[in-house]
Amino acid sequence: MQRASQAFTHFTLRSREKRTHKAEVDQVISWLTGYGQKELETQLEKQTDFEAFFAKAPKINPSRALIKGVVCGVRVEDIKEPTMREIRYLDKLIDELAQGKTMDKILRKNDPERPTSVHLARRRCASWRALPIFFKR
């Protein structure tokens, strides 16, 4: 199994090409795994493999299930092997970072101020109900 430290070096180099910073890569990794900065650096110094890295993760983020898409020709959500799925989740997040997506989108944050499609649908229904009132005048 590939060492996590080797992959993280690759992730950092790949994101640097797209003018992102190591701190952003670390933030993405921390969001996914729950590792703090010192814990992450310790794991990298130990040259932990991916299986142990994810097995020892303090708090795997449950929102990772929201990560969808294709990495290396395979749909992330269809991967059955748990460690490989976690690796591909991380790879997908790094791809999104390299593509220049905002951290809120990458980290799957819900903005309570931004209406969801459900809220928009309700607004449309309410406004359609109000239309006859305007036409009667």
N, C-alpha and C. Protein backbone atom coordinates (compact mmCIF):
# COMPACT_ATOMS: atom_id res chain seq x y z
N MET A 1 0.86 -1.18 0.00
CA MET A 1 0.00 0.00 0.00
C MET A 1 0.89 1.23 0.00
N GLN A 2 0.49 2.23 -0.75
CA GLN A 2 1.25 3.47 -0.86
C GLN A 2 1.24 4.21 0.47
N ARG A 3 2.35 4.83 0.76
CA ARG A 3 2.46 5.63 1.97
C ARG A 3 1.67 6.92 1.81
N ALA A 4 0.97 7.29 2.88
CA ALA A 4 0.17 8.51 2.85
C ALA A 4 1.07 9.72 2.62
N SER A 5 2.26 9.72 3.20
CA SER A 5 3.16 10.88 3.07
C SER A 5 3.56 11.12 1.61
N GLN A 6 3.77 10.04 0.86
CA GLN A 6 4.11 10.18 -0.56
C GLN A 6 2.94 10.80 -1.33
N ALA A 7 1.75 10.32 -1.05
CA ALA A 7 0.57 10.85 -1.74
C ALA A 7 0.33 12.30 -1.36
N PHE A 8 0.52 12.66 -0.10
CA PHE A 8 0.27 14.03 0.33
C PHE A 8 1.27 14.98 -0.29
N THR A 9 2.50 14.52 -0.48
CA THR A 9 3.49 15.33 -1.19
C THR A 9 3.02 15.57 -2.62
N HIS A 10 2.50 14.52 -3.25
CA HIS A 10 1.96 14.63 -4.61
C HIS A 10 0.76 15.59 -4.64
N PHE A 11 -0.15 15.47 -3.65
CA PHE A 11 -1.31 16.35 -3.58
C PHE A 11 -0.88 17.81 -3.46
N THR A 12 0.11 18.05 -2.61
CA THR A 12 0.59 19.42 -2.40
C THR A 12 1.21 19.97 -3.67
N LEU A 13 2.03 19.16 -4.35
CA LEU A 13 2.63 19.61 -5.60
C LEU A 13 1.58 19.88 -6.67
N ARG A 14 0.59 18.99 -6.76
CA ARG A 14 -0.47 19.15 -7.75
C ARG A 14 -1.29 20.41 -7.48
N SER A 15 -1.58 20.68 -6.21
CA SER A 15 -2.36 21.86 -5.90
C SER A 15 -1.53 23.13 -6.07
N ARG A 16 -0.23 23.04 -5.83
CA ARG A 16 0.65 24.21 -5.99
C ARG A 16 0.71 24.65 -7.45
N GLU A 17 0.64 23.69 -8.35
CA GLU A 17 0.62 24.01 -9.79
C GLU A 17 -0.58 24.89 -10.12
N LYS A 18 -1.66 24.72 -9.37
CA LYS A 18 -2.88 25.48 -9.62
C LYS A 18 -2.99 26.69 -8.69
N ARG A 19 -1.87 27.05 -8.06
CA ARG A 19 -1.78 28.23 -7.20
C ARG A 19 -2.61 28.12 -5.91
N THR A 20 -2.70 26.93 -5.38
CA THR A 20 -3.28 26.77 -4.05
C THR A 20 -2.14 26.48 -3.09
N HIS A 21 -2.43 26.46 -1.80
CA HIS A 21 -1.38 26.36 -0.79
C HIS A 21 -1.47 25.06 -0.01
N LYS A 22 -0.36 24.70 0.61
CA LYS A 22 -0.30 23.50 1.43
C LYS A 22 -1.33 23.58 2.57
N ALA A 23 -1.53 24.77 3.10
CA ALA A 23 -2.50 24.95 4.19
C ALA A 23 -3.90 24.53 3.75
N GLU A 24 -4.24 24.79 2.49
CA GLU A 24 -5.55 24.39 1.97
C GLU A 24 -5.64 22.87 1.82
N VAL A 25 -4.56 22.26 1.38
CA VAL A 25 -4.52 20.80 1.28
C VAL A 25 -4.69 20.19 2.68
N ASP A 26 -3.96 20.76 3.66
CA ASP A 26 -4.07 20.28 5.04
C ASP A 26 -5.49 20.46 5.59
N GLN A 27 -6.13 21.57 5.24
CA GLN A 27 -7.50 21.83 5.69
C GLN A 27 -8.45 20.78 5.13
N VAL A 28 -8.28 20.43 3.88
CA VAL A 28 -9.13 19.41 3.25
C VAL A 28 -8.91 18.06 3.94
N ILE A 29 -7.65 17.72 4.18
CA ILE A 29 -7.34 16.44 4.84
C ILE A 29 -7.92 16.43 6.26
N SER A 30 -7.79 17.53 6.96
CA SER A 30 -8.32 17.63 8.33
C SER A 30 -9.84 17.50 8.34
N TRP A 31 -10.50 18.13 7.36
CA TRP A 31 -11.95 18.05 7.28
C TRP A 31 -12.39 16.60 7.08
N LEU A 32 -11.69 15.87 6.22
CA LEU A 32 -12.06 14.50 5.91
C LEU A 32 -11.78 13.55 7.07
N THR A 33 -10.64 13.73 7.74
CA THR A 33 -10.17 12.74 8.71
C THR A 33 -10.29 13.14 10.18
N GLY A 34 -10.35 14.44 10.45
CA GLY A 34 -10.38 14.89 11.83
C GLY A 34 -9.01 15.10 12.44
N TYR A 35 -7.94 14.84 11.68
CA TYR A 35 -6.60 15.07 12.19
C TYR A 35 -6.36 16.57 12.36
N GLY A 36 -5.75 16.95 13.50
CA GLY A 36 -5.28 18.32 13.67
C GLY A 36 -3.94 18.46 12.95
N GLN A 37 -3.43 19.67 12.89
CA GLN A 37 -2.18 19.91 12.16
C GLN A 37 -1.02 19.09 12.72
N LYS A 38 -0.86 19.07 14.03
CA LYS A 38 0.25 18.31 14.64
C LYS A 38 0.09 16.81 14.44
N GLU A 39 -1.14 16.32 14.58
CA GLU A 39 -1.39 14.89 14.37
C GLU A 39 -1.12 14.50 12.92
N LEU A 40 -1.50 15.37 12.01
CA LEU A 40 -1.27 15.12 10.59
C LEU A 40 0.22 15.05 10.29
N GLU A 41 0.96 16.01 10.81
CA GLU A 41 2.42 16.02 10.61
C GLU A 41 3.07 14.79 11.22
N THR A 42 2.58 14.34 12.38
CA THR A 42 3.11 13.13 13.02
C THR A 42 2.88 11.91 12.12
N GLN A 43 1.68 11.79 11.56
CA GLN A 43 1.38 10.67 10.67
C GLN A 43 2.28 10.68 9.43
N LEU A 44 2.54 11.88 8.91
CA LEU A 44 3.39 11.99 7.73
C LEU A 44 4.84 11.64 8.06
N GLU A 45 5.31 12.07 9.24
CA GLU A 45 6.68 11.75 9.66
C GLU A 45 6.86 10.25 9.86
N LYS A 46 5.83 9.59 10.37
CA LYS A 46 5.88 8.14 10.58
C LYS A 46 5.81 7.37 9.27
N GLN A 47 5.46 8.07 8.19
CA GLN A 47 5.26 7.46 6.87
C GLN A 47 4.21 6.34 6.94
N THR A 48 3.11 6.69 7.55
CA THR A 48 1.98 5.77 7.71
C THR A 48 1.38 5.44 6.35
N ASP A 49 0.98 4.18 6.17
CA ASP A 49 0.29 3.84 4.92
C ASP A 49 -1.17 4.28 5.02
N PHE A 50 -1.86 4.31 3.90
CA PHE A 50 -3.23 4.82 3.86
C PHE A 50 -4.18 4.03 4.76
N GLU A 51 -4.01 2.72 4.78
CA GLU A 51 -4.91 1.90 5.58
C GLU A 51 -4.85 2.30 7.05
N ALA A 52 -3.64 2.42 7.57
CA ALA A 52 -3.47 2.83 8.97
C ALA A 52 -3.87 4.29 9.17
N PHE A 53 -3.57 5.14 8.18
CA PHE A 53 -3.91 6.56 8.27
C PHE A 53 -5.41 6.75 8.47
N PHE A 54 -6.21 6.07 7.67
CA PHE A 54 -7.65 6.22 7.79
C PHE A 54 -8.20 5.44 8.98
N ALA A 55 -7.59 4.30 9.32
CA ALA A 55 -8.06 3.51 10.47
C ALA A 55 -7.84 4.28 11.78
N LYS A 56 -6.76 5.04 11.85
CA LYS A 56 -6.43 5.79 13.07
C LYS A 56 -6.99 7.22 13.07
N ALA A 57 -7.71 7.58 12.03
CA ALA A 57 -8.24 8.94 11.93
C ALA A 57 -9.14 9.24 13.13
N PRO A 58 -8.93 10.39 13.76
CA PRO A 58 -9.71 10.73 14.96
C PRO A 58 -11.22 10.80 14.72
N LYS A 59 -11.63 11.39 13.61
CA LYS A 59 -13.07 11.53 13.35
C LYS A 59 -13.31 11.67 11.86
N ILE A 60 -13.63 10.56 11.22
CA ILE A 60 -13.95 10.60 9.79
C ILE A 60 -15.24 11.39 9.63
N ASN A 61 -15.21 12.35 8.73
CA ASN A 61 -16.35 13.25 8.55
C ASN A 61 -17.52 12.53 7.88
N PRO A 62 -18.68 12.52 8.53
CA PRO A 62 -19.83 11.83 7.92
C PRO A 62 -20.31 12.51 6.64
N SER A 63 -20.00 13.79 6.46
CA SER A 63 -20.42 14.50 5.24
C SER A 63 -19.64 14.06 4.01
N ARG A 64 -18.66 13.19 4.18
CA ARG A 64 -17.89 12.71 3.03
C ARG A 64 -18.78 11.93 2.07
N ALA A 65 -19.91 11.43 2.58
CA ALA A 65 -20.84 10.71 1.72
C ALA A 65 -21.45 11.62 0.66
N LEU A 66 -21.32 12.94 0.86
CA LEU A 66 -21.82 13.90 -0.13
C LEU A 66 -20.88 14.06 -1.31
N ILE A 67 -19.68 13.49 -1.20
CA ILE A 67 -18.69 13.59 -2.27
C ILE A 67 -19.10 12.62 -3.38
N LYS A 68 -19.34 13.17 -4.53
CA LYS A 68 -19.77 12.37 -5.68
C LYS A 68 -18.90 12.73 -6.87
N GLY A 69 -18.83 11.85 -7.83
CA GLY A 69 -18.11 12.15 -9.05
C GLY A 69 -17.17 11.03 -9.45
N VAL A 70 -16.36 11.32 -10.47
CA VAL A 70 -15.47 10.33 -11.05
C VAL A 70 -14.02 10.70 -10.77
N VAL A 71 -13.26 9.72 -10.31
CA VAL A 71 -11.82 9.86 -10.12
C VAL A 71 -11.16 8.67 -10.79
N CYS A 72 -10.25 8.94 -11.69
CA CYS A 72 -9.55 7.88 -12.43
C CYS A 72 -10.53 6.94 -13.13
N GLY A 73 -11.63 7.51 -13.66
CA GLY A 73 -12.58 6.73 -14.42
C GLY A 73 -13.54 5.90 -13.59
N VAL A 74 -13.53 6.06 -12.27
CA VAL A 74 -14.40 5.27 -11.41
C VAL A 74 -15.26 6.23 -10.57
N ARG A 75 -16.55 5.94 -10.48
CA ARG A 75 -17.42 6.76 -9.64
C ARG A 75 -17.07 6.52 -8.17
N VAL A 76 -16.79 7.57 -7.46
CA VAL A 76 -16.35 7.49 -6.06
C VAL A 76 -17.40 6.78 -5.21
N GLU A 77 -18.65 7.12 -5.43
CA GLU A 77 -19.72 6.55 -4.59
C GLU A 77 -19.95 5.06 -4.85
N ASP A 78 -19.39 4.50 -5.93
CA ASP A 78 -19.57 3.09 -6.25
C ASP A 78 -18.45 2.19 -5.74
N ILE A 79 -17.41 2.77 -5.16
CA ILE A 79 -16.27 1.97 -4.69
C ILE A 79 -16.67 1.22 -3.42
N LYS A 80 -16.50 -0.09 -3.43
CA LYS A 80 -16.93 -0.94 -2.31
C LYS A 80 -15.86 -1.06 -1.22
N GLU A 81 -14.59 -1.17 -1.61
CA GLU A 81 -13.51 -1.37 -0.63
C GLU A 81 -13.33 -0.09 0.18
N PRO A 82 -13.49 -0.15 1.52
CA PRO A 82 -13.52 1.06 2.35
C PRO A 82 -12.27 1.94 2.26
N THR A 83 -11.09 1.36 2.33
CA THR A 83 -9.87 2.18 2.29
C THR A 83 -9.72 2.86 0.94
N MET A 84 -9.99 2.14 -0.13
CA MET A 84 -9.89 2.73 -1.47
C MET A 84 -10.92 3.85 -1.64
N ARG A 85 -12.11 3.67 -1.08
CA ARG A 85 -13.13 4.71 -1.17
C ARG A 85 -12.66 5.98 -0.44
N GLU A 86 -12.05 5.82 0.73
CA GLU A 86 -11.55 6.98 1.48
C GLU A 86 -10.43 7.68 0.70
N ILE A 87 -9.56 6.89 0.08
CA ILE A 87 -8.48 7.47 -0.73
C ILE A 87 -9.07 8.26 -1.89
N ARG A 88 -10.07 7.71 -2.54
CA ARG A 88 -10.69 8.40 -3.68
C ARG A 88 -11.49 9.62 -3.25
N TYR A 89 -12.10 9.57 -2.06
CA TYR A 89 -12.75 10.77 -1.52
C TYR A 89 -11.71 11.89 -1.41
N LEU A 90 -10.58 11.55 -0.82
CA LEU A 90 -9.52 12.54 -0.64
C LEU A 90 -9.01 13.03 -1.99
N ASP A 91 -8.82 12.13 -2.91
CA ASP A 91 -8.35 12.49 -4.25
C ASP A 91 -9.34 13.43 -4.93
N LYS A 92 -10.63 13.15 -4.78
CA LYS A 92 -11.67 13.99 -5.39
C LYS A 92 -11.64 15.39 -4.77
N LEU A 93 -11.47 15.48 -3.46
CA LEU A 93 -11.40 16.78 -2.80
C LEU A 93 -10.19 17.58 -3.28
N ILE A 94 -9.06 16.91 -3.45
CA ILE A 94 -7.85 17.59 -3.93
C ILE A 94 -8.05 18.04 -5.38
N ASP A 95 -8.71 17.23 -6.19
CA ASP A 95 -9.03 17.63 -7.56
C ASP A 95 -9.87 18.90 -7.57
N GLU A 96 -10.87 18.95 -6.71
CA GLU A 96 -11.73 20.13 -6.65
C GLU A 96 -10.93 21.36 -6.20
N LEU A 97 -10.02 21.17 -5.26
CA LEU A 97 -9.16 22.27 -4.81
C LEU A 97 -8.30 22.76 -5.97
N ALA A 98 -7.72 21.83 -6.71
CA ALA A 98 -6.86 22.19 -7.85
C ALA A 98 -7.67 22.87 -8.96
N GLN A 99 -8.95 22.55 -9.06
CA GLN A 99 -9.82 23.17 -10.07
C GLN A 99 -10.23 24.58 -9.68
N GLY A 100 -9.92 24.97 -8.46
CA GLY A 100 -10.23 26.33 -8.02
C GLY A 100 -11.59 26.51 -7.39
N LYS A 101 -12.23 25.41 -7.00
CA LYS A 101 -13.53 25.53 -6.33
C LYS A 101 -13.33 26.19 -4.96
N THR A 102 -14.37 26.82 -4.46
CA THR A 102 -14.27 27.47 -3.16
C THR A 102 -14.24 26.41 -2.05
N MET A 103 -13.65 26.78 -0.92
CA MET A 103 -13.55 25.83 0.19
C MET A 103 -14.93 25.44 0.70
N ASP A 104 -15.89 26.35 0.67
CA ASP A 104 -17.25 26.00 1.11
C ASP A 104 -17.83 24.88 0.27
N LYS A 105 -17.60 24.93 -1.04
CA LYS A 105 -18.10 23.87 -1.92
C LYS A 105 -17.32 22.58 -1.71
N ILE A 106 -16.00 22.70 -1.58
CA ILE A 106 -15.16 21.51 -1.39
C ILE A 106 -15.53 20.79 -0.10
N LEU A 107 -15.74 21.56 0.97
CA LEU A 107 -16.01 20.98 2.28
C LEU A 107 -17.50 20.72 2.51
N ARG A 108 -18.28 20.83 1.44
CA ARG A 108 -19.71 20.50 1.46
C ARG A 108 -20.45 21.24 2.57
N LYS A 109 -20.16 22.53 2.69
CA LYS A 109 -20.82 23.34 3.72
C LYS A 109 -22.15 23.84 3.20
N ASN A 110 -23.15 23.75 4.05
CA ASN A 110 -24.47 24.30 3.71
C ASN A 110 -24.53 25.71 4.24
N ASP A 111 -24.85 26.64 3.39
CA ASP A 111 -24.97 28.03 3.78
C ASP A 111 -26.44 28.29 4.10
N PRO A 112 -26.77 28.55 5.39
CA PRO A 112 -28.17 28.74 5.75
C PRO A 112 -28.80 29.96 5.07
N GLU A 113 -27.98 30.91 4.66
CA GLU A 113 -28.49 32.11 4.00
C GLU A 113 -28.83 31.84 2.53
N ARG A 114 -28.19 30.82 1.95
CA ARG A 114 -28.41 30.52 0.54
C ARG A 114 -29.56 29.54 0.41
N PRO A 115 -30.59 29.86 -0.32
CA PRO A 115 -31.73 28.96 -0.42
C PRO A 115 -31.39 27.68 -1.17
N THR A 116 -31.94 26.60 -0.70
CA THR A 116 -31.75 25.31 -1.38
C THR A 116 -32.82 25.18 -2.45
N SER A 117 -32.74 24.14 -3.24
CA SER A 117 -33.74 23.94 -4.30
C SER A 117 -35.13 23.74 -3.71
N VAL A 118 -35.21 23.15 -2.50
CA VAL A 118 -36.51 22.96 -1.86
C VAL A 118 -37.12 24.31 -1.52
N HIS A 119 -36.29 25.22 -0.97
CA HIS A 119 -36.79 26.55 -0.64
C HIS A 119 -37.23 27.30 -1.90
N LEU A 120 -36.45 27.18 -2.97
CA LEU A 120 -36.80 27.85 -4.22
C LEU A 120 -38.10 27.30 -4.79
N ALA A 121 -38.28 26.00 -4.70
CA ALA A 121 -39.51 25.38 -5.21
C ALA A 121 -40.71 25.88 -4.41
N ARG A 122 -40.56 26.00 -3.11
CA ARG A 122 -41.66 26.52 -2.29
C ARG A 122 -41.97 27.96 -2.66
N ARG A 123 -40.92 28.74 -2.91
CA ARG A 123 -41.15 30.13 -3.29
C ARG A 123 -41.90 30.21 -4.63
N ARG A 124 -41.49 29.37 -5.58
CA ARG A 124 -42.16 29.37 -6.89
C ARG A 124 -43.62 29.00 -6.74
N CYS A 125 -43.90 27.99 -5.92
CA CYS A 125 -45.29 27.58 -5.72
C CYS A 125 -46.09 28.70 -5.09
N ALA A 126 -45.53 29.35 -4.09
CA ALA A 126 -46.23 30.45 -3.42
C ALA A 126 -46.47 31.60 -4.39
N SER A 127 -45.49 31.92 -5.22
CA SER A 127 -45.67 33.04 -6.15
C SER A 127 -46.69 32.69 -7.23
N TRP A 128 -46.76 31.42 -7.65
CA TRP A 128 -47.75 31.04 -8.66
C TRP A 128 -49.15 31.12 -8.09
N ARG A 129 -49.28 30.80 -6.82
CA ARG A 129 -50.60 30.91 -6.18
C ARG A 129 -51.04 32.37 -6.09
N ALA A 130 -50.07 33.25 -5.93
CA ALA A 130 -50.39 34.67 -5.79
C ALA A 130 -50.69 35.34 -7.13
N LEU A 131 -50.31 34.74 -8.23
CA LEU A 131 -50.51 35.36 -9.55
C LEU A 131 -51.96 35.69 -9.87
N PRO A 132 -52.93 34.83 -9.61
CA PRO A 132 -54.32 35.18 -9.94
C PRO A 132 -54.78 36.46 -9.25
N ILE A 133 -54.26 36.74 -8.07
CA ILE A 133 -54.63 37.95 -7.35
C ILE A 133 -54.23 39.17 -8.18
N PHE A 134 -53.03 39.13 -8.75
CA PHE A 134 -52.54 40.26 -9.55
C PHE A 134 -53.35 40.43 -10.82
N PHE A 135 -53.80 39.34 -11.41
CA PHE A 135 -54.54 39.43 -12.66
C PHE A 135 -55.98 39.89 -12.47
N LYS A 136 -56.54 39.71 -11.27
CA LYS A 136 -57.92 40.10 -11.00
C LYS A 136 -58.07 41.61 -10.90
N ARG A 137 -57.02 42.31 -10.58
CA ARG A 137 -57.11 43.75 -10.37
C ARG A 137 -57.36 44.49 -11.61
